[in-house]
Amino acid sequence: MIELKKVLSDMVKCIVDQPDEVTVLEDSSEDSKTVTLTLTVAQGDMGKVIGKHGRIARSIRLVMKTAGGKIGKRVNVEIKD
């Protein structure tokens, strides 16, 4: 089974300069069909994760929604300042 938290963490660690600062918190809803992943990175890496006009953040969310669809879950990714 796909571990969504690990997929997001590994993907973001490849992008940022400080991979040790990457943390992902997982919160499942009561119906357990929806998973919210909260991503926190170092302040200097925020621009790399968000990207120009939010393109990288949009791509990260798309990949995670696709991975969640494979196991029948809806995935929301929040990027925390």
N, C-alpha and C. Protein backbone atom coordinates (compact mmCIF):
# COMPACT_ATOMS: atom_id res chain seq x y z
N MET A 1 0.84 -1.18 0.00
CA MET A 1 0.00 0.00 0.00
C MET A 1 0.89 1.25 0.00
N ILE A 2 0.42 2.26 -0.67
CA ILE A 2 1.18 3.50 -0.79
C ILE A 2 1.10 4.28 0.53
N GLU A 3 2.25 4.69 1.03
CA GLU A 3 2.30 5.53 2.22
C GLU A 3 2.42 6.98 1.76
N LEU A 4 1.30 7.69 1.78
CA LEU A 4 1.23 9.04 1.22
C LEU A 4 2.18 10.02 1.90
N LYS A 5 2.31 9.90 3.20
CA LYS A 5 3.19 10.79 3.95
C LYS A 5 4.64 10.66 3.48
N LYS A 6 5.08 9.44 3.24
CA LYS A 6 6.45 9.19 2.79
C LYS A 6 6.66 9.67 1.36
N VAL A 7 5.66 9.48 0.51
CA VAL A 7 5.76 9.93 -0.88
C VAL A 7 5.97 11.44 -0.94
N LEU A 8 5.15 12.18 -0.18
CA LEU A 8 5.28 13.64 -0.16
C LEU A 8 6.62 14.07 0.42
N SER A 9 7.01 13.46 1.51
CA SER A 9 8.27 13.81 2.16
C SER A 9 9.46 13.57 1.23
N ASP A 10 9.51 12.42 0.59
CA ASP A 10 10.62 12.10 -0.31
C ASP A 10 10.67 13.03 -1.52
N MET A 11 9.50 13.37 -2.05
CA MET A 11 9.44 14.24 -3.22
C MET A 11 9.95 15.64 -2.87
N VAL A 12 9.54 16.17 -1.74
CA VAL A 12 9.93 17.53 -1.36
C VAL A 12 11.40 17.59 -0.94
N LYS A 13 11.90 16.54 -0.31
CA LYS A 13 13.31 16.51 0.10
C LYS A 13 14.25 16.61 -1.09
N CYS A 14 13.82 16.16 -2.26
CA CYS A 14 14.64 16.26 -3.47
C CYS A 14 14.69 17.69 -4.01
N ILE A 15 13.73 18.50 -3.65
CA ILE A 15 13.63 19.86 -4.18
C ILE A 15 14.39 20.87 -3.33
N VAL A 16 14.33 20.73 -2.01
CA VAL A 16 14.81 21.77 -1.09
C VAL A 16 16.31 21.66 -0.81
N ASP A 17 16.87 22.75 -0.24
CA ASP A 17 18.28 22.78 0.14
C ASP A 17 18.51 22.16 1.52
N GLN A 18 17.51 22.23 2.39
CA GLN A 18 17.63 21.69 3.75
C GLN A 18 16.61 20.56 3.95
N PRO A 19 16.93 19.37 3.47
CA PRO A 19 15.96 18.26 3.55
C PRO A 19 15.67 17.80 4.98
N ASP A 20 16.56 18.09 5.93
CA ASP A 20 16.32 17.69 7.31
C ASP A 20 15.20 18.51 7.96
N GLU A 21 14.87 19.66 7.38
CA GLU A 21 13.83 20.53 7.93
C GLU A 21 12.43 20.18 7.42
N VAL A 22 12.32 19.22 6.52
CA VAL A 22 11.03 18.86 5.94
C VAL A 22 10.26 17.97 6.93
N THR A 23 9.03 18.40 7.25
CA THR A 23 8.15 17.58 8.08
C THR A 23 6.77 17.51 7.43
N VAL A 24 6.15 16.36 7.57
CA VAL A 24 4.81 16.15 7.03
C VAL A 24 3.95 15.58 8.14
N LEU A 25 2.83 16.26 8.41
CA LEU A 25 1.87 15.78 9.40
C LEU A 25 0.63 15.28 8.66
N GLU A 26 0.13 14.13 9.07
CA GLU A 26 -1.02 13.52 8.41
C GLU A 26 -2.24 13.60 9.32
N ASP A 27 -3.36 14.00 8.74
CA ASP A 27 -4.62 14.08 9.48
C ASP A 27 -5.71 13.44 8.62
N SER A 28 -6.29 12.35 9.10
CA SER A 28 -7.37 11.67 8.39
C SER A 28 -8.71 12.13 8.94
N SER A 29 -9.69 12.25 8.06
CA SER A 29 -11.03 12.65 8.50
C SER A 29 -11.76 11.45 9.09
N GLU A 30 -12.95 11.72 9.63
CA GLU A 30 -13.69 10.65 10.28
C GLU A 30 -14.08 9.54 9.32
N ASP A 31 -14.42 9.90 8.10
CA ASP A 31 -14.81 8.86 7.13
C ASP A 31 -13.60 8.14 6.54
N SER A 32 -12.42 8.61 6.88
CA SER A 32 -11.12 8.07 6.44
C SER A 32 -10.99 7.92 4.93
N LYS A 33 -11.78 8.68 4.17
CA LYS A 33 -11.61 8.73 2.72
C LYS A 33 -10.79 9.95 2.33
N THR A 34 -10.69 10.92 3.25
CA THR A 34 -9.95 12.15 2.99
C THR A 34 -8.75 12.24 3.91
N VAL A 35 -7.60 12.53 3.34
CA VAL A 35 -6.37 12.68 4.10
C VAL A 35 -5.82 14.09 3.84
N THR A 36 -5.50 14.80 4.92
CA THR A 36 -4.88 16.12 4.80
C THR A 36 -3.43 16.00 5.25
N LEU A 37 -2.53 16.37 4.35
CA LEU A 37 -1.10 16.36 4.65
C LEU A 37 -0.62 17.80 4.78
N THR A 38 -0.04 18.12 5.93
CA THR A 38 0.47 19.47 6.17
C THR A 38 1.99 19.43 6.04
N LEU A 39 2.51 20.19 5.09
CA LEU A 39 3.93 20.21 4.77
C LEU A 39 4.58 21.44 5.38
N THR A 40 5.69 21.25 6.09
CA THR A 40 6.46 22.35 6.65
C THR A 40 7.90 22.21 6.18
N VAL A 41 8.45 23.30 5.66
CA VAL A 41 9.85 23.33 5.22
C VAL A 41 10.55 24.53 5.84
N ALA A 42 11.86 24.59 5.69
CA ALA A 42 12.63 25.74 6.19
C ALA A 42 12.18 27.01 5.46
N GLN A 43 12.27 28.13 6.15
CA GLN A 43 11.81 29.41 5.59
C GLN A 43 12.49 29.72 4.25
N GLY A 44 13.76 29.42 4.13
CA GLY A 44 14.49 29.69 2.89
C GLY A 44 14.10 28.80 1.73
N ASP A 45 13.43 27.70 2.02
CA ASP A 45 13.04 26.76 0.97
C ASP A 45 11.59 26.93 0.51
N MET A 46 10.87 27.87 1.11
CA MET A 46 9.46 28.06 0.74
C MET A 46 9.30 28.39 -0.74
N GLY A 47 10.18 29.23 -1.26
CA GLY A 47 10.10 29.60 -2.67
C GLY A 47 10.30 28.43 -3.60
N LYS A 48 11.15 27.50 -3.20
CA LYS A 48 11.41 26.32 -4.03
C LYS A 48 10.21 25.38 -4.05
N VAL A 49 9.51 25.31 -2.94
CA VAL A 49 8.36 24.42 -2.85
C VAL A 49 7.14 25.03 -3.54
N ILE A 50 6.98 26.34 -3.43
CA ILE A 50 5.83 26.99 -4.05
C ILE A 50 6.07 27.20 -5.54
N GLY A 51 7.26 27.65 -5.91
CA GLY A 51 7.58 27.85 -7.32
C GLY A 51 7.02 29.15 -7.87
N LYS A 52 7.38 29.42 -9.10
CA LYS A 52 6.93 30.64 -9.77
C LYS A 52 5.44 30.53 -10.06
N HIS A 53 4.68 31.47 -9.53
CA HIS A 53 3.22 31.51 -9.67
C HIS A 53 2.55 30.25 -9.11
N GLY A 54 3.20 29.57 -8.19
CA GLY A 54 2.60 28.40 -7.55
C GLY A 54 2.61 27.13 -8.38
N ARG A 55 3.41 27.09 -9.42
CA ARG A 55 3.41 25.93 -10.32
C ARG A 55 3.92 24.66 -9.67
N ILE A 56 4.97 24.76 -8.87
CA ILE A 56 5.52 23.56 -8.23
C ILE A 56 4.54 23.05 -7.17
N ALA A 57 3.95 23.95 -6.41
CA ALA A 57 2.96 23.55 -5.40
C ALA A 57 1.78 22.86 -6.07
N ARG A 58 1.32 23.38 -7.19
CA ARG A 58 0.22 22.78 -7.94
C ARG A 58 0.60 21.39 -8.43
N SER A 59 1.83 21.24 -8.89
CA SER A 59 2.30 19.93 -9.37
C SER A 59 2.41 18.92 -8.23
N ILE A 60 2.89 19.37 -7.08
CA ILE A 60 2.98 18.49 -5.92
C ILE A 60 1.59 18.00 -5.52
N ARG A 61 0.63 18.92 -5.50
CA ARG A 61 -0.74 18.54 -5.15
C ARG A 61 -1.33 17.56 -6.16
N LEU A 62 -1.04 17.76 -7.43
CA LEU A 62 -1.54 16.86 -8.48
C LEU A 62 -0.97 15.46 -8.31
N VAL A 63 0.31 15.35 -8.07
CA VAL A 63 0.94 14.04 -7.87
C VAL A 63 0.35 13.34 -6.65
N MET A 64 0.14 14.09 -5.58
CA MET A 64 -0.41 13.49 -4.36
C MET A 64 -1.86 13.07 -4.54
N LYS A 65 -2.65 13.85 -5.27
CA LYS A 65 -4.04 13.45 -5.54
C LYS A 65 -4.09 12.19 -6.39
N THR A 66 -3.17 12.07 -7.32
CA THR A 66 -3.10 10.87 -8.15
C THR A 66 -2.69 9.66 -7.32
N ALA A 67 -1.70 9.83 -6.45
CA ALA A 67 -1.27 8.73 -5.58
C ALA A 67 -2.40 8.32 -4.64
N GLY A 68 -3.13 9.28 -4.12
CA GLY A 68 -4.26 8.98 -3.25
C GLY A 68 -5.37 8.26 -3.99
N GLY A 69 -5.59 8.64 -5.24
CA GLY A 69 -6.62 7.98 -6.05
C GLY A 69 -6.33 6.51 -6.28
N LYS A 70 -5.06 6.16 -6.31
CA LYS A 70 -4.68 4.75 -6.49
C LYS A 70 -5.13 3.87 -5.33
N ILE A 71 -5.26 4.47 -4.13
CA ILE A 71 -5.67 3.69 -2.97
C ILE A 71 -7.07 4.10 -2.48
N GLY A 72 -7.78 4.89 -3.29
CA GLY A 72 -9.15 5.25 -2.96
C GLY A 72 -9.29 6.33 -1.90
N LYS A 73 -8.31 7.21 -1.81
CA LYS A 73 -8.37 8.30 -0.83
C LYS A 73 -8.28 9.64 -1.54
N ARG A 74 -8.89 10.63 -0.94
CA ARG A 74 -8.79 12.00 -1.44
C ARG A 74 -7.73 12.70 -0.60
N VAL A 75 -6.76 13.33 -1.26
CA VAL A 75 -5.62 13.92 -0.57
C VAL A 75 -5.61 15.43 -0.75
N ASN A 76 -5.48 16.15 0.37
CA ASN A 76 -5.30 17.60 0.36
C ASN A 76 -3.92 17.89 0.92
N VAL A 77 -3.16 18.73 0.22
CA VAL A 77 -1.82 19.11 0.70
C VAL A 77 -1.85 20.58 1.05
N GLU A 78 -1.50 20.87 2.31
CA GLU A 78 -1.40 22.25 2.78
C GLU A 78 0.08 22.55 3.04
N ILE A 79 0.52 23.69 2.54
CA ILE A 79 1.90 24.10 2.76
C ILE A 79 1.90 25.18 3.84
N LYS A 80 2.50 24.89 4.97
CA LYS A 80 2.47 25.79 6.12
C LYS A 80 3.68 26.72 6.09
N ASP A 81 3.43 27.98 6.39
CA ASP A 81 4.50 28.99 6.43
C ASP A 81 5.42 28.75 7.59
